[in-house]
Amino acid sequence: MNKRHISTFFAAFALIGLAFSASAQTAIPAPRAEGLDMVMGAENAPITMIEYASLTCPHCAKLHVETMPRLKAEYIDTGKLKLVFRDFPLDRIALNAAMLARCAGPERYFTFLDVFFAQQANWLRGTSGEQIMASLRRLARTGGMTEAAMDQCLANTEMQNAVLSQAMTGEREHKVQATPTLVINGTVHRGGQSFEELDAILKPLAGSR
């Protein structure tokens, strides 16, 4: 989706109201919400990496499935890196998925995120928006969300506006046009990165930690 389409998507919704198991990896300290940002890692980490991603973006899914586990183990869990995740939904389905993950709460947010990305090819397989949403809702139910909770979440215009506001801020402040976009200690890196590519960027910034 190009920048014009992204901006049109944001504007349209602004007019309206401007696996889940013990094996899931958890960083230390626990994930938390800081305003609109969802954050994982030590507050005083020498590296801050902001990630703009869409839950329907296959390159974002690849980053989370193939690169993020090692990034968590070697940089986040060791206190070298703080990850700040910011939603940048490229379509209505991605917006709905982002809202569901946020409604799960800060402590379960990154688990929902990991599972949504890991299972992306499965729940996006439907031939209509209704089928895709049905698959996404089934996945959210396995994480403990009830139908009533999902209905309430998806009807929450305040939550919707928060997600869209965060995306528009990324477009304005970091010139985000596509996902994933990473901002590492203020420097923008566009496109998916392998662990080796990120490691080459991060290692000099980590200092002696």
Protein backbone atom coordinates (compact mmCIF):
# COMPACT_ATOMS: atom_id res chain seq x y z
CA MET A 1 0.00 0.00 0.00
CA ASN A 2 1.51 3.33 -1.00
CA LYS A 3 1.64 6.49 1.06
CA ARG A 4 -1.42 7.98 -0.61
CA HIS A 5 -3.49 4.91 0.18
CA ILE A 6 -2.21 4.79 3.77
CA SER A 7 -3.10 8.43 4.32
CA THR A 8 -6.56 7.87 2.81
CA PHE A 9 -7.09 4.86 5.10
CA PHE A 10 -6.15 6.87 8.20
CA ALA A 11 -8.28 9.84 7.16
CA ALA A 12 -11.34 7.70 6.48
CA PHE A 13 -11.36 6.23 9.96
CA ALA A 14 -10.44 9.55 11.56
CA LEU A 15 -13.71 10.85 10.19
CA ILE A 16 -15.58 8.10 12.00
CA GLY A 17 -14.17 9.13 15.36
CA LEU A 18 -10.63 9.79 15.02
CA ALA A 19 1.05 -19.71 21.21
CA PHE A 20 -0.90 -18.59 24.07
CA SER A 21 1.01 -21.06 26.18
CA ALA A 22 3.89 -21.31 28.63
CA SER A 23 6.27 -21.58 25.69
CA ALA A 24 5.62 -17.94 24.71
CA GLN A 25 8.77 -15.89 25.30
CA THR A 26 8.54 -13.11 27.90
CA ALA A 27 11.14 -10.41 28.29
CA ILE A 28 12.36 -9.11 31.63
CA PRO A 29 10.95 -6.78 32.89
CA ALA A 30 7.36 -7.51 31.91
CA PRO A 31 5.83 -5.76 28.91
CA ARG A 32 4.10 -2.50 29.77
CA ALA A 33 2.11 0.30 28.22
CA GLU A 34 3.64 3.78 28.09
CA GLY A 35 0.92 6.01 26.73
CA LEU A 36 0.06 4.58 23.33
CA ASP A 37 3.35 2.68 23.06
CA MET A 38 3.69 -0.99 23.99
CA VAL A 39 7.12 -1.51 25.49
CA MET A 40 9.38 -4.46 26.27
CA GLY A 41 12.82 -4.27 27.84
CA ALA A 42 14.76 -2.31 30.43
CA GLU A 43 13.89 1.35 30.73
CA ASN A 44 17.59 2.32 30.89
CA ALA A 45 18.69 0.16 27.94
CA PRO A 46 21.35 1.88 25.79
CA ILE A 47 19.38 1.08 22.62
CA THR A 48 15.79 2.03 21.90
CA MET A 49 14.23 0.42 18.86
CA ILE A 50 10.83 1.66 17.70
CA GLU A 51 9.04 -0.78 15.42
CA TYR A 52 6.19 0.30 13.17
CA ALA A 53 4.35 -2.77 11.92
CA SER A 54 1.05 -3.97 10.51
CA LEU A 55 -0.43 -7.28 11.59
CA THR A 56 -1.36 -8.11 7.99
CA CYS A 57 2.15 -7.39 6.67
CA PRO A 58 4.02 -10.62 5.68
CA HIS A 59 7.42 -8.93 6.05
CA CYS A 60 6.47 -7.94 9.61
CA ALA A 61 5.45 -11.52 10.33
CA LYS A 62 8.79 -12.78 9.02
CA LEU A 63 10.62 -10.29 11.25
CA HIS A 64 8.71 -11.47 14.31
CA VAL A 65 8.93 -15.18 13.56
CA GLU A 66 12.52 -15.41 12.32
CA THR A 67 14.35 -12.45 13.88
CA MET A 68 12.56 -11.42 17.06
CA PRO A 69 13.25 -14.55 19.15
CA ARG A 70 17.04 -14.03 18.92
CA LEU A 71 16.63 -10.28 19.34
CA LYS A 72 14.71 -10.91 22.56
CA ALA A 73 17.19 -13.42 23.88
CA GLU A 74 20.39 -11.53 23.03
CA TYR A 75 19.36 -7.89 23.34
CA ILE A 76 16.03 -7.34 25.12
CA ASP A 77 16.30 -9.91 27.91
CA THR A 78 19.90 -8.92 28.59
CA GLY A 79 19.06 -5.24 29.15
CA LYS A 80 20.70 -3.94 25.98
CA LEU A 81 17.59 -2.97 24.04
CA LYS A 82 14.16 -1.51 24.74
CA LEU A 83 11.58 -2.38 22.09
CA VAL A 84 8.80 0.14 21.52
CA PHE A 85 6.08 -1.35 19.33
CA ARG A 86 3.81 1.04 17.43
CA ASP A 87 0.89 -0.04 15.30
CA PHE A 88 0.84 1.03 11.66
CA PRO A 89 -2.19 -0.83 10.24
CA LEU A 90 -2.28 -0.99 6.45
CA ASP A 91 -5.94 -2.05 6.26
CA ARG A 92 -9.10 -2.55 8.29
CA ILE A 93 -8.22 -6.14 9.22
CA ALA A 94 -4.85 -5.03 10.61
CA LEU A 95 -6.61 -2.31 12.59
CA ASN A 96 -9.01 -4.85 14.10
CA ALA A 97 -6.15 -7.21 14.96
CA ALA A 98 -4.21 -4.38 16.61
CA MET A 99 -7.25 -3.46 18.68
CA LEU A 100 -7.76 -7.04 19.84
CA ALA A 101 -4.12 -7.34 20.90
CA ARG A 102 -4.36 -4.08 22.86
CA CYS A 103 -7.60 -5.16 24.53
CA ALA A 104 -5.78 -8.24 25.84
CA GLY A 105 -3.86 -5.88 28.15
CA PRO A 106 -0.15 -4.99 28.46
CA GLU A 107 0.86 -8.28 30.08
CA ARG A 108 -0.63 -10.39 27.27
CA TYR A 109 -0.12 -7.91 24.44
CA PHE A 110 3.17 -9.26 23.09
CA THR A 111 1.94 -12.86 23.38
CA PHE A 112 -1.07 -11.96 21.23
CA LEU A 113 1.23 -10.11 18.84
CA ASP A 114 3.59 -13.10 18.53
CA VAL A 115 0.73 -15.54 17.89
CA PHE A 116 -1.04 -13.27 15.39
CA PHE A 117 2.20 -12.93 13.42
CA ALA A 118 3.11 -16.63 13.70
CA GLN A 119 -0.36 -17.70 12.49
CA GLN A 120 -0.79 -14.86 9.98
CA ALA A 121 -0.79 -17.07 6.88
CA ASN A 122 -3.58 -19.18 8.40
CA TRP A 123 -6.01 -16.50 9.60
CA LEU A 124 -5.49 -14.35 6.49
CA ARG A 125 -6.41 -17.27 4.25
CA GLY A 126 -10.11 -16.36 3.98
CA THR A 127 -11.60 -15.06 0.76
CA SER A 128 -13.60 -12.29 2.44
CA GLY A 129 -13.18 -9.87 5.33
CA GLU A 130 -15.87 -11.75 7.26
CA GLN A 131 -14.02 -15.07 6.92
CA ILE A 132 -10.71 -13.51 7.91
CA MET A 133 -12.26 -11.87 10.97
CA ALA A 134 -13.89 -15.14 11.97
CA SER A 135 -10.47 -16.84 11.87
CA LEU A 136 -8.86 -14.00 13.81
CA ARG A 137 -11.58 -14.14 16.45
CA ARG A 138 -11.11 -17.91 16.81
CA LEU A 139 -7.43 -17.29 17.44
CA ALA A 140 -8.19 -14.60 20.02
CA ARG A 141 -10.56 -16.98 21.80
CA THR A 142 -7.69 -19.43 22.33
CA GLY A 143 -5.95 -16.59 24.17
CA GLY A 144 -8.88 -16.26 26.58
CA MET A 145 -10.93 -13.48 25.00
CA THR A 146 -14.70 -13.98 25.03
CA GLU A 147 -17.00 -13.05 22.16
CA ALA A 148 -18.48 -10.30 24.30
CA ALA A 149 -15.03 -8.90 25.08
CA MET A 150 -14.09 -8.94 21.39
CA ASP A 151 -17.34 -7.23 20.40
CA GLN A 152 -16.79 -4.53 23.01
CA CYS A 153 -13.16 -4.10 21.95
CA LEU A 154 -13.88 -3.76 18.23
CA ALA A 155 -16.64 -1.23 18.94
CA ASN A 156 -14.33 0.90 21.09
CA THR A 157 -13.80 4.10 19.09
CA GLU A 158 -11.32 5.40 21.67
CA MET A 159 -9.13 2.35 21.09
CA GLN A 160 -9.51 2.70 17.33
CA ASN A 161 -8.52 6.35 17.46
CA ALA A 162 -5.47 5.53 19.61
CA VAL A 163 -4.19 3.01 17.06
CA LEU A 164 -4.77 5.35 14.11
CA SER A 165 -3.29 8.31 15.97
CA GLN A 166 -0.13 6.33 16.65
CA ALA A 167 0.16 5.40 12.98
CA MET A 168 -0.35 8.96 11.81
CA THR A 169 2.33 10.11 14.27
CA GLY A 170 4.73 7.61 12.69
CA GLU A 171 3.92 8.91 9.23
CA ARG A 172 4.48 12.49 10.40
CA GLU A 173 7.52 12.10 12.67
CA HIS A 174 9.44 9.27 11.03
CA LYS A 175 8.10 9.43 7.46
CA VAL A 176 6.81 5.87 7.74
CA GLN A 177 5.34 4.77 4.43
CA ALA A 178 5.56 0.98 4.64
CA THR A 179 6.07 -1.76 7.17
CA PRO A 180 8.15 -2.84 8.91
CA THR A 181 10.01 0.37 9.68
CA LEU A 182 12.53 0.38 12.54
CA VAL A 183 13.86 3.48 14.27
CA ILE A 184 17.03 2.59 16.16
CA ASN A 185 18.34 5.31 18.46
CA GLY A 186 16.74 7.85 16.17
CA THR A 187 17.95 6.41 12.84
CA VAL A 188 15.29 5.05 10.48
CA HIS A 189 15.81 1.63 8.87
CA ARG A 190 13.20 0.57 6.33
CA GLY A 191 12.19 -2.96 5.44
CA GLY A 192 12.60 -6.30 7.16
CA GLN A 193 15.96 -7.09 8.69
CA SER A 194 17.56 -10.44 9.42
CA PHE A 195 19.05 -10.95 12.86
CA GLU A 196 22.53 -10.73 11.37
CA GLU A 197 21.73 -7.38 9.75
CA LEU A 198 20.24 -6.02 12.97
CA ASP A 199 23.10 -7.42 15.03
CA ALA A 200 25.59 -5.45 12.92
CA ILE A 201 23.62 -2.26 13.63
CA LEU A 202 22.98 -2.94 17.32
CA LYS A 203 26.31 -4.31 18.52
CA PRO A 204 28.22 -0.99 18.31
CA LEU A 205 25.36 0.74 20.15
CA ALA A 206 25.21 -1.74 23.02
CA GLY A 207 28.54 -0.68 24.53
CA SER A 208 30.02 -3.06 27.08
CA ARG A 209 26.71 -4.61 28.15
